[in-house]
Amino acid sequence: MNTEGYEHYLLLDLALTASNEELANKVESAIPLIQSSTVNLLTNMNYSDIRSMSVVELRQKLLDEYKKAYEELKMTVTFNDVLISKMVFQ
């Protein structure tokens, strides 16, 4: 994260939902894409901006970023939603 000269860390525990087992398997195979998209999004944001977001806002930003990454690779989005079960700032 851009931190205005300070090092900060963010720990997220995320889950993606899928409507059936076949789609869940496709989501599983796309985990590297999801991880990369998460890192790309968050490292280009300021710490204070992330810190001031609600969980709902951050969830929507992640969801939008993931869908964009899928579209750029001409892949079909195979998940329904992203869930944030833990968020720790340091």
PDB file of N, CA and C in Angstrom:
ATOM      1  N   MET A   1       0.835  -1.175   0.000  1.00  0.00           N
ATOM      2  CA  MET A   1       0.000   0.000   0.000  1.00  0.00           C
ATOM      3  C   MET A   1       0.882   1.240   0.000  1.00  0.00           C
ATOM      4  N   ASN A   2       0.461   2.256  -0.712  1.00  0.00           N
ATOM      5  CA  ASN A   2       1.132   3.547  -0.616  1.00  0.00           C
ATOM      6  C   ASN A   2       0.868   4.074   0.781  1.00  0.00           C
ATOM      7  N   THR A   3       1.926   4.372   1.492  1.00  0.00           N
ATOM      8  CA  THR A   3       1.765   4.662   2.913  1.00  0.00           C
ATOM      9  C   THR A   3       2.338   5.992   3.347  1.00  0.00           C
ATOM     10  N   GLU A   4       2.563   6.895   2.435  1.00  0.00           N
ATOM     11  CA  GLU A   4       3.088   8.209   2.781  1.00  0.00           C
ATOM     12  C   GLU A   4       4.337   8.099   3.633  1.00  0.00           C
ATOM     13  N   GLY A   5       5.251   7.182   3.280  1.00  0.00           N
ATOM     14  CA  GLY A   5       6.526   7.073   3.969  1.00  0.00           C
ATOM     15  C   GLY A   5       6.586   6.066   5.097  1.00  0.00           C
ATOM     16  N   TYR A   6       5.493   5.420   5.424  1.00  0.00           N
ATOM     17  CA  TYR A   6       5.473   4.441   6.500  1.00  0.00           C
ATOM     18  C   TYR A   6       5.098   3.080   5.941  1.00  0.00           C
ATOM     19  N   GLU A   7       5.598   2.036   6.597  1.00  0.00           N
ATOM     20  CA  GLU A   7       5.224   0.682   6.204  1.00  0.00           C
ATOM     21  C   GLU A   7       3.987   0.253   6.965  1.00  0.00           C
ATOM     22  N   HIS A   8       3.007  -0.232   6.229  1.00  0.00           N
ATOM     23  CA  HIS A   8       1.784  -0.750   6.837  1.00  0.00           C
ATOM     24  C   HIS A   8       1.485  -2.106   6.215  1.00  0.00           C
ATOM     25  N   TYR A   9       0.735  -2.899   6.941  1.00  0.00           N
ATOM     26  CA  TYR A   9       0.357  -4.214   6.467  1.00  0.00           C
ATOM     27  C   TYR A   9      -1.148  -4.383   6.588  1.00  0.00           C
ATOM     28  N   LEU A  10      -1.692  -5.151   5.675  1.00  0.00           N
ATOM     29  CA  LEU A  10      -3.108  -5.467   5.694  1.00  0.00           C
ATOM     30  C   LEU A  10      -3.255  -6.965   5.474  1.00  0.00           C
ATOM     31  N   LEU A  11      -3.959  -7.605   6.374  1.00  0.00           N
ATOM     32  CA  LEU A  11      -4.258  -9.027   6.252  1.00  0.00           C
ATOM     33  C   LEU A  11      -5.738  -9.173   5.962  1.00  0.00           C
ATOM     34  N   LEU A  12      -6.043  -9.845   4.869  1.00  0.00           N
ATOM     35  CA  LEU A  12      -7.435 -10.115   4.513  1.00  0.00           C
ATOM     36  C   LEU A  12      -7.653 -11.612   4.443  1.00  0.00           C
ATOM     37  N   ASP A  13      -8.765 -12.049   4.952  1.00  0.00           N
ATOM     38  CA  ASP A  13      -9.191 -13.432   4.779  1.00  0.00           C
ATOM     39  C   ASP A  13     -10.416 -13.371   3.879  1.00  0.00           C
ATOM     40  N   LEU A  14     -10.258 -13.866   2.655  1.00  0.00           N
ATOM     41  CA  LEU A  14     -11.299 -13.768   1.638  1.00  0.00           C
ATOM     42  C   LEU A  14     -11.815 -15.140   1.245  1.00  0.00           C
ATOM     43  N   ALA A  15     -13.047 -15.160   0.794  1.00  0.00           N
ATOM     44  CA  ALA A  15     -13.627 -16.365   0.196  1.00  0.00           C
ATOM     45  C   ALA A  15     -14.467 -15.933  -0.989  1.00  0.00           C
ATOM     46  N   LEU A  16     -14.445 -16.730  -2.026  1.00  0.00           N
ATOM     47  CA  LEU A  16     -15.289 -16.493  -3.196  1.00  0.00           C
ATOM     48  C   LEU A  16     -16.387 -17.543  -3.204  1.00  0.00           C
ATOM     49  N   THR A  17     -17.605 -17.119  -3.494  1.00  0.00           N
ATOM     50  CA  THR A  17     -18.716 -18.064  -3.526  1.00  0.00           C
ATOM     51  C   THR A  17     -19.013 -18.480  -4.961  1.00  0.00           C
ATOM     52  N   ALA A  18     -19.420 -19.715  -5.113  1.00  0.00           N
ATOM     53  CA  ALA A  18     -19.808 -20.252  -6.421  1.00  0.00           C
ATOM     54  C   ALA A  18     -21.105 -21.037  -6.244  1.00  0.00           C
ATOM     55  N   SER A  19     -21.871 -21.130  -7.321  1.00  0.00           N
ATOM     56  CA  SER A  19     -23.196 -21.736  -7.215  1.00  0.00           C
ATOM     57  C   SER A  19     -23.205 -23.262  -7.290  1.00  0.00           C
ATOM     58  N   ASN A  20     -22.100 -23.848  -7.733  1.00  0.00           N
ATOM     59  CA  ASN A  20     -22.048 -25.307  -7.762  1.00  0.00           C
ATOM     60  C   ASN A  20     -20.590 -25.776  -7.720  1.00  0.00           C
ATOM     61  N   GLU A  21     -20.401 -27.079  -7.587  1.00  0.00           N
ATOM     62  CA  GLU A  21     -19.053 -27.629  -7.415  1.00  0.00           C
ATOM     63  C   GLU A  21     -18.175 -27.416  -8.653  1.00  0.00           C
ATOM     64  N   GLU A  22     -18.756 -27.533  -9.825  1.00  0.00           N
ATOM     65  CA  GLU A  22     -17.979 -27.330 -11.054  1.00  0.00           C
ATOM     66  C   GLU A  22     -17.414 -25.905 -11.112  1.00  0.00           C
ATOM     67  N   LEU A  23     -18.258 -24.931 -10.797  1.00  0.00           N
ATOM     68  CA  LEU A  23     -17.797 -23.539 -10.791  1.00  0.00           C
ATOM     69  C   LEU A  23     -16.800 -23.298  -9.666  1.00  0.00           C
ATOM     70  N   ALA A  24     -17.009 -23.941  -8.537  1.00  0.00           N
ATOM     71  CA  ALA A  24     -16.065 -23.811  -7.418  1.00  0.00           C
ATOM     72  C   ALA A  24     -14.685 -24.317  -7.830  1.00  0.00           C
ATOM     73  N   ASN A  25     -14.629 -25.390  -8.592  1.00  0.00           N
ATOM     74  CA  ASN A  25     -13.348 -25.911  -9.081  1.00  0.00           C
ATOM     75  C   ASN A  25     -12.679 -24.913 -10.036  1.00  0.00           C
ATOM     76  N   LYS A  26     -13.479 -24.227 -10.847  1.00  0.00           N
ATOM     77  CA  LYS A  26     -12.920 -23.217 -11.753  1.00  0.00           C
ATOM     78  C   LYS A  26     -12.400 -22.016 -10.965  1.00  0.00           C
ATOM     79  N   VAL A  27     -13.113 -21.646  -9.922  1.00  0.00           N
ATOM     80  CA  VAL A  27     -12.651 -20.555  -9.055  1.00  0.00           C
ATOM     81  C   VAL A  27     -11.323 -20.947  -8.425  1.00  0.00           C
ATOM     82  N   GLU A  28     -11.243 -22.159  -7.954  1.00  0.00           N
ATOM     83  CA  GLU A  28     -10.008 -22.656  -7.325  1.00  0.00           C
ATOM     84  C   GLU A  28      -8.819 -22.543  -8.270  1.00  0.00           C
ATOM     85  N   SER A  29      -9.034 -22.845  -9.532  1.00  0.00           N
ATOM     86  CA  SER A  29      -7.928 -22.772 -10.497  1.00  0.00           C
ATOM     87  C   SER A  29      -7.552 -21.324 -10.833  1.00  0.00           C
ATOM     88  N   ALA A  30      -8.428 -20.385 -10.506  1.00  0.00           N
ATOM     89  CA  ALA A  30      -8.152 -18.966 -10.785  1.00  0.00           C
ATOM     90  C   ALA A  30      -7.605 -18.222  -9.566  1.00  0.00           C
ATOM     91  N   ILE A  31      -7.295 -18.935  -8.502  1.00  0.00           N
ATOM     92  CA  ILE A  31      -6.796 -18.292  -7.277  1.00  0.00           C
ATOM     93  C   ILE A  31      -5.560 -17.416  -7.544  1.00  0.00           C
ATOM     94  N   PRO A  32      -4.585 -17.849  -8.358  1.00  0.00           N
ATOM     95  CA  PRO A  32      -3.439 -16.950  -8.618  1.00  0.00           C
ATOM     96  C   PRO A  32      -3.866 -15.617  -9.247  1.00  0.00           C
ATOM     97  N   LEU A  33      -4.847 -15.649 -10.126  1.00  0.00           N
ATOM     98  CA  LEU A  33      -5.361 -14.417 -10.733  1.00  0.00           C
ATOM     99  C   LEU A  33      -6.008 -13.531  -9.670  1.00  0.00           C
ATOM    100  N   ILE A  34      -6.784 -14.125  -8.786  1.00  0.00           N
ATOM    101  CA  ILE A  34      -7.446 -13.396  -7.710  1.00  0.00           C
ATOM    102  C   ILE A  34      -6.410 -12.780  -6.771  1.00  0.00           C
ATOM    103  N   GLN A  35      -5.403 -13.562  -6.406  1.00  0.00           N
ATOM    104  CA  GLN A  35      -4.366 -13.054  -5.510  1.00  0.00           C
ATOM    105  C   GLN A  35      -3.623 -11.888  -6.149  1.00  0.00           C
ATOM    106  N   SER A  36      -3.259 -12.043  -7.396  1.00  0.00           N
ATOM    107  CA  SER A  36      -2.543 -10.988  -8.098  1.00  0.00           C
ATOM    108  C   SER A  36      -3.391  -9.724  -8.212  1.00  0.00           C
ATOM    109  N   SER A  37      -4.652  -9.885  -8.522  1.00  0.00           N
ATOM    110  CA  SER A  37      -5.554  -8.735  -8.632  1.00  0.00           C
ATOM    111  C   SER A  37      -5.709  -8.025  -7.292  1.00  0.00           C
ATOM    112  N   THR A  38      -5.773  -8.790  -6.214  1.00  0.00           N
ATOM    113  CA  THR A  38      -5.884  -8.213  -4.877  1.00  0.00           C
ATOM    114  C   THR A  38      -4.656  -7.374  -4.554  1.00  0.00           C
ATOM    115  N   VAL A  39      -3.482  -7.941  -4.788  1.00  0.00           N
ATOM    116  CA  VAL A  39      -2.234  -7.228  -4.516  1.00  0.00           C
ATOM    117  C   VAL A  39      -2.127  -5.980  -5.394  1.00  0.00           C
ATOM    118  N   ASN A  40      -2.432  -6.112  -6.667  1.00  0.00           N
ATOM    119  CA  ASN A  40      -2.365  -4.956  -7.571  1.00  0.00           C
ATOM    120  C   ASN A  40      -3.279  -3.826  -7.116  1.00  0.00           C
ATOM    121  N   LEU A  41      -4.487  -4.160  -6.747  1.00  0.00           N
ATOM    122  CA  LEU A  41      -5.433  -3.140  -6.312  1.00  0.00           C
ATOM    123  C   LEU A  41      -4.949  -2.442  -5.045  1.00  0.00           C
ATOM    124  N   LEU A  42      -4.605  -3.234  -4.039  1.00  0.00           N
ATOM    125  CA  LEU A  42      -4.297  -2.656  -2.731  1.00  0.00           C
ATOM    126  C   LEU A  42      -2.960  -1.922  -2.686  1.00  0.00           C
ATOM    127  N   THR A  43      -1.974  -2.387  -3.436  1.00  0.00           N
ATOM    128  CA  THR A  43      -0.685  -1.696  -3.408  1.00  0.00           C
ATOM    129  C   THR A  43      -0.735  -0.360  -4.136  1.00  0.00           C
ATOM    130  N   ASN A  44      -1.740  -0.154  -4.960  1.00  0.00           N
ATOM    131  CA  ASN A  44      -1.891   1.115  -5.662  1.00  0.00           C
ATOM    132  C   ASN A  44      -2.826   2.081  -4.947  1.00  0.00           C
ATOM    133  N   MET A  45      -3.251   1.708  -3.757  1.00  0.00           N
ATOM    134  CA  MET A  45      -4.131   2.574  -2.963  1.00  0.00           C
ATOM    135  C   MET A  45      -3.357   3.106  -1.764  1.00  0.00           C
ATOM    136  N   ASN A  46      -3.776   4.251  -1.268  1.00  0.00           N
ATOM    137  CA  ASN A  46      -3.187   4.802  -0.057  1.00  0.00           C
ATOM    138  C   ASN A  46      -3.761   4.093   1.164  1.00  0.00           C
ATOM    139  N   TYR A  47      -2.895   3.882   2.150  1.00  0.00           N
ATOM    140  CA  TYR A  47      -3.298   3.219   3.386  1.00  0.00           C
ATOM    141  C   TYR A  47      -4.508   3.911   4.009  1.00  0.00           C
ATOM    142  N   SER A  48      -4.462   5.232   4.077  1.00  0.00           N
ATOM    143  CA  SER A  48      -5.560   5.969   4.715  1.00  0.00           C
ATOM    144  C   SER A  48      -6.880   5.787   3.963  1.00  0.00           C
ATOM    145  N   ASP A  49      -6.804   5.654   2.640  1.00  0.00           N
ATOM    146  CA  ASP A  49      -8.020   5.422   1.854  1.00  0.00           C
ATOM    147  C   ASP A  49      -8.614   4.050   2.153  1.00  0.00           C
ATOM    148  N   ILE A  50      -7.751   3.050   2.222  1.00  0.00           N
ATOM    149  CA  ILE A  50      -8.224   1.696   2.526  1.00  0.00           C
ATOM    150  C   ILE A  50      -8.783   1.648   3.945  1.00  0.00           C
ATOM    151  N   ARG A  51      -8.050   2.245   4.853  1.00  0.00           N
ATOM    152  CA  ARG A  51      -8.433   2.238   6.269  1.00  0.00           C
ATOM    153  C   ARG A  51      -9.794   2.910   6.490  1.00  0.00           C
ATOM    154  N   SER A  52     -10.093   3.920   5.692  1.00  0.00           N
ATOM    155  CA  SER A  52     -11.345   4.650   5.879  1.00  0.00           C
ATOM    156  C   SER A  52     -12.540   3.987   5.182  1.00  0.00           C
ATOM    157  N   MET A  53     -12.283   2.967   4.379  1.00  0.00           N
ATOM    158  CA  MET A  53     -13.375   2.279   3.674  1.00  0.00           C
ATOM    159  C   MET A  53     -14.132   1.354   4.613  1.00  0.00           C
ATOM    160  N   SER A  54     -15.411   1.215   4.331  1.00  0.00           N
ATOM    161  CA  SER A  54     -16.184   0.193   5.033  1.00  0.00           C
ATOM    162  C   SER A  54     -15.867  -1.162   4.402  1.00  0.00           C
ATOM    163  N   VAL A  55     -16.214  -2.218   5.085  1.00  0.00           N
ATOM    164  CA  VAL A  55     -16.018  -3.562   4.541  1.00  0.00           C
ATOM    165  C   VAL A  55     -16.811  -3.718   3.245  1.00  0.00           C
ATOM    166  N   VAL A  56     -17.998  -3.144   3.206  1.00  0.00           N
ATOM    167  CA  VAL A  56     -18.848  -3.223   2.011  1.00  0.00           C
ATOM    168  C   VAL A  56     -18.160  -2.533   0.825  1.00  0.00           C
ATOM    169  N   GLU A  57     -17.573  -1.368   1.063  1.00  0.00           N
ATOM    170  CA  GLU A  57     -16.881  -0.647  -0.012  1.00  0.00           C
ATOM    171  C   GLU A  57     -15.665  -1.417  -0.510  1.00  0.00           C
ATOM    172  N   LEU A  58     -14.874  -1.946   0.408  1.00  0.00           N
ATOM    173  CA  LEU A  58     -13.699  -2.721   0.016  1.00  0.00           C
ATOM    174  C   LEU A  58     -14.111  -3.979  -0.738  1.00  0.00           C
ATOM    175  N   ARG A  59     -15.137  -4.636  -0.271  1.00  0.00           N
ATOM    176  CA  ARG A  59     -15.650  -5.830  -0.950  1.00  0.00           C
ATOM    177  C   ARG A  59     -16.045  -5.505  -2.384  1.00  0.00           C
ATOM    178  N   GLN A  60     -16.714  -4.387  -2.587  1.00  0.00           N
ATOM    179  CA  GLN A  60     -17.141  -4.005  -3.936  1.00  0.00           C
ATOM    180  C   GLN A  60     -15.940  -3.678  -4.822  1.00  0.00           C
ATOM    181  N   LYS A  61     -14.945  -3.000  -4.280  1.00  0.00           N
ATOM    182  CA  LYS A  61     -13.730  -2.700  -5.059  1.00  0.00           C
ATOM    183  C   LYS A  61     -13.035  -3.986  -5.484  1.00  0.00           C
ATOM    184  N   LEU A  62     -12.927  -4.938  -4.561  1.00  0.00           N
ATOM    185  CA  LEU A  62     -12.307  -6.224  -4.890  1.00  0.00           C
ATOM    186  C   LEU A  62     -13.113  -6.947  -5.962  1.00  0.00           C
ATOM    187  N   LEU A  63     -14.409  -6.993  -5.790  1.00  0.00           N
ATOM    188  CA  LEU A  63     -15.279  -7.660  -6.758  1.00  0.00           C
ATOM    189  C   LEU A  63     -15.127  -7.046  -8.142  1.00  0.00           C
ATOM    190  N   ASP A  64     -15.119  -5.725  -8.214  1.00  0.00           N
ATOM    191  CA  ASP A  64     -14.942  -5.035  -9.496  1.00  0.00           C
ATOM    192  C   ASP A  64     -13.577  -5.351 -10.110  1.00  0.00           C
ATOM    193  N   GLU A  65     -12.544  -5.380  -9.280  1.00  0.00           N
ATOM    194  CA  GLU A  65     -11.189  -5.672  -9.763  1.00  0.00           C
ATOM    195  C   GLU A  65     -11.089  -7.101 -10.300  1.00  0.00           C
ATOM    196  N   TYR A  66     -11.697  -8.042  -9.603  1.00  0.00           N
ATOM    197  CA  TYR A  66     -11.668  -9.430 -10.048  1.00  0.00           C
ATOM    198  C   TYR A  66     -12.407  -9.600 -11.371  1.00  0.00           C
ATOM    199  N   LYS A  67     -13.556  -8.983 -11.483  1.00  0.00           N
ATOM    200  CA  LYS A  67     -14.323  -9.080 -12.735  1.00  0.00           C
ATOM    201  C   LYS A  67     -13.538  -8.460 -13.888  1.00  0.00           C
ATOM    202  N   LYS A  68     -12.872  -7.345 -13.632  1.00  0.00           N
ATOM    203  CA  LYS A  68     -12.047  -6.699 -14.655  1.00  0.00           C
ATOM    204  C   LYS A  68     -10.910  -7.626 -15.095  1.00  0.00           C
ATOM    205  N   ALA A  69     -10.267  -8.291 -14.140  1.00  0.00           N
ATOM    206  CA  ALA A  69      -9.165  -9.205 -14.464  1.00  0.00           C
ATOM    207  C   ALA A  69      -9.665 -10.373 -15.315  1.00  0.00           C
ATOM    208  N   TYR A  70     -10.817 -10.910 -14.972  1.00  0.00           N
ATOM    209  CA  TYR A  70     -11.410 -11.994 -15.765  1.00  0.00           C
ATOM    210  C   TYR A  70     -11.688 -11.516 -17.188  1.00  0.00           C
ATOM    211  N   GLU A  71     -12.280 -10.335 -17.306  1.00  0.00           N
ATOM    212  CA  GLU A  71     -12.631  -9.799 -18.632  1.00  0.00           C
ATOM    213  C   GLU A  71     -11.388  -9.558 -19.488  1.00  0.00           C
ATOM    214  N   GLU A  72     -10.321  -9.048 -18.872  1.00  0.00           N
ATOM    215  CA  GLU A  72      -9.089  -8.787 -19.619  1.00  0.00           C
ATOM    216  C   GLU A  72      -8.508 -10.070 -20.218  1.00  0.00           C
ATOM    217  N   LEU A  73      -8.734 -11.186 -19.537  1.00  0.00           N
ATOM    218  CA  LEU A  73      -8.252 -12.479 -20.028  1.00  0.00           C
ATOM    219  C   LEU A  73      -9.323 -13.226 -20.826  1.00  0.00           C
ATOM    220  N   LYS A  74     -10.444 -12.541 -21.068  1.00  0.00           N
ATOM    221  CA  LYS A  74     -11.567 -13.128 -21.806  1.00  0.00           C
ATOM    222  C   LYS A  74     -12.053 -14.428 -21.159  1.00  0.00           C
ATOM    223  N   MET A  75     -12.073 -14.413 -19.835  1.00  0.00           N
ATOM    224  CA  MET A  75     -12.549 -15.552 -19.057  1.00  0.00           C
ATOM    225  C   MET A  75     -13.957 -15.251 -18.546  1.00  0.00           C
ATOM    226  N   THR A  76     -14.739 -16.286 -18.344  1.00  0.00           N
ATOM    227  CA  THR A  76     -16.061 -16.144 -17.762  1.00  0.00           C
ATOM    228  C   THR A  76     -15.926 -16.108 -16.246  1.00  0.00           C
ATOM    229  N   VAL A  77     -16.560 -15.132 -15.628  1.00  0.00           N
ATOM    230  CA  VAL A  77     -16.544 -15.037 -14.163  1.00  0.00           C
ATOM    231  C   VAL A  77     -17.304 -16.231 -13.602  1.00  0.00           C
ATOM    232  N   THR A  78     -16.652 -16.977 -12.728  1.00  0.00           N
ATOM    233  CA  THR A  78     -17.237 -18.219 -12.214  1.00  0.00           C
ATOM    234  C   THR A  78     -17.645 -18.125 -10.751  1.00  0.00           C
ATOM    235  N   PHE A  79     -17.513 -16.962 -10.155  1.00  0.00           N
ATOM    236  CA  PHE A  79     -17.914 -16.803  -8.753  1.00  0.00           C
ATOM    237  C   PHE A  79     -19.060 -15.811  -8.664  1.00  0.00           C
ATOM    238  N   ASN A  80     -19.790 -15.894  -7.554  1.00  0.00           N
ATOM    239  CA  ASN A  80     -20.940 -15.019  -7.348  1.00  0.00           C
ATOM    240  C   ASN A  80     -20.601 -13.792  -6.515  1.00  0.00           C
ATOM    241  N   ASP A  81     -19.743 -13.992  -5.534  1.00  0.00           N
ATOM    242  CA  ASP A  81     -19.487 -12.915  -4.587  1.00  0.00           C
ATOM    243  C   ASP A  81     -18.144 -13.144  -3.914  1.00  0.00           C
ATOM    244  N   VAL A  82     -17.628 -12.072  -3.324  1.00  0.00           N
ATOM    245  CA  VAL A  82     -16.420 -12.161  -2.507  1.00  0.00           C
ATOM    246  C   VAL A  82     -16.825 -11.818  -1.074  1.00  0.00           C
ATOM    247  N   LEU A  83     -16.379 -12.640  -0.143  1.00  0.00           N
ATOM    248  CA  LEU A  83     -16.691 -12.442   1.267  1.00  0.00           C
ATOM    249  C   LEU A  83     -15.406 -12.102   2.016  1.00  0.00           C
ATOM    250  N   ILE A  84     -15.482 -11.126   2.892  1.00  0.00           N
ATOM    251  CA  ILE A  84     -14.337 -10.758   3.733  1.00  0.00           C
ATOM    252  C   ILE A  84     -14.673 -11.198   5.146  1.00  0.00           C
ATOM    253  N   SER A  85     -13.930 -12.184   5.649  1.00  0.00           N
ATOM    254  CA  SER A  85     -14.221 -12.683   6.995  1.00  0.00           C
ATOM    255  C   SER A  85     -13.245 -12.135   8.035  1.00  0.00           C
ATOM    256  N   LYS A  86     -12.122 -11.579   7.568  1.00  0.00           N
ATOM    257  CA  LYS A  86     -11.161 -10.992   8.501  1.00  0.00           C
ATOM    258  C   LYS A  86     -10.426  -9.866   7.803  1.00  0.00           C
ATOM    259  N   MET A  87     -10.201  -8.769   8.541  1.00  0.00           N
ATOM    260  CA  MET A  87      -9.450  -7.642   8.007  1.00  0.00           C
ATOM    261  C   MET A  87      -8.648  -7.060   9.168  1.00  0.00           C
ATOM    262  N   VAL A  88      -7.313  -7.154   9.065  1.00  0.00           N
ATOM    263  CA  VAL A  88      -6.432  -6.686  10.130  1.00  0.00           C
ATOM    264  C   VAL A  88      -5.472  -5.660   9.550  1.00  0.00           C
ATOM    265  N   PHE A  89      -5.438  -4.481  10.144  1.00  0.00           N
ATOM    266  CA  PHE A  89      -4.520  -3.412   9.732  1.00  0.00           C
ATOM    267  C   PHE A  89      -3.383  -3.329  10.740  1.00  0.00           C
ATOM    268  N   GLN A  90      -2.202  -3.020  10.227  1.00  0.00           N
ATOM    269  CA  GLN A  90      -1.071  -2.798  11.119  1.00  0.00           C
ATOM    270  C   GLN A  90      -0.222  -1.689  10.557  1.00  0.00           C
TER     271      GLN A  90
END
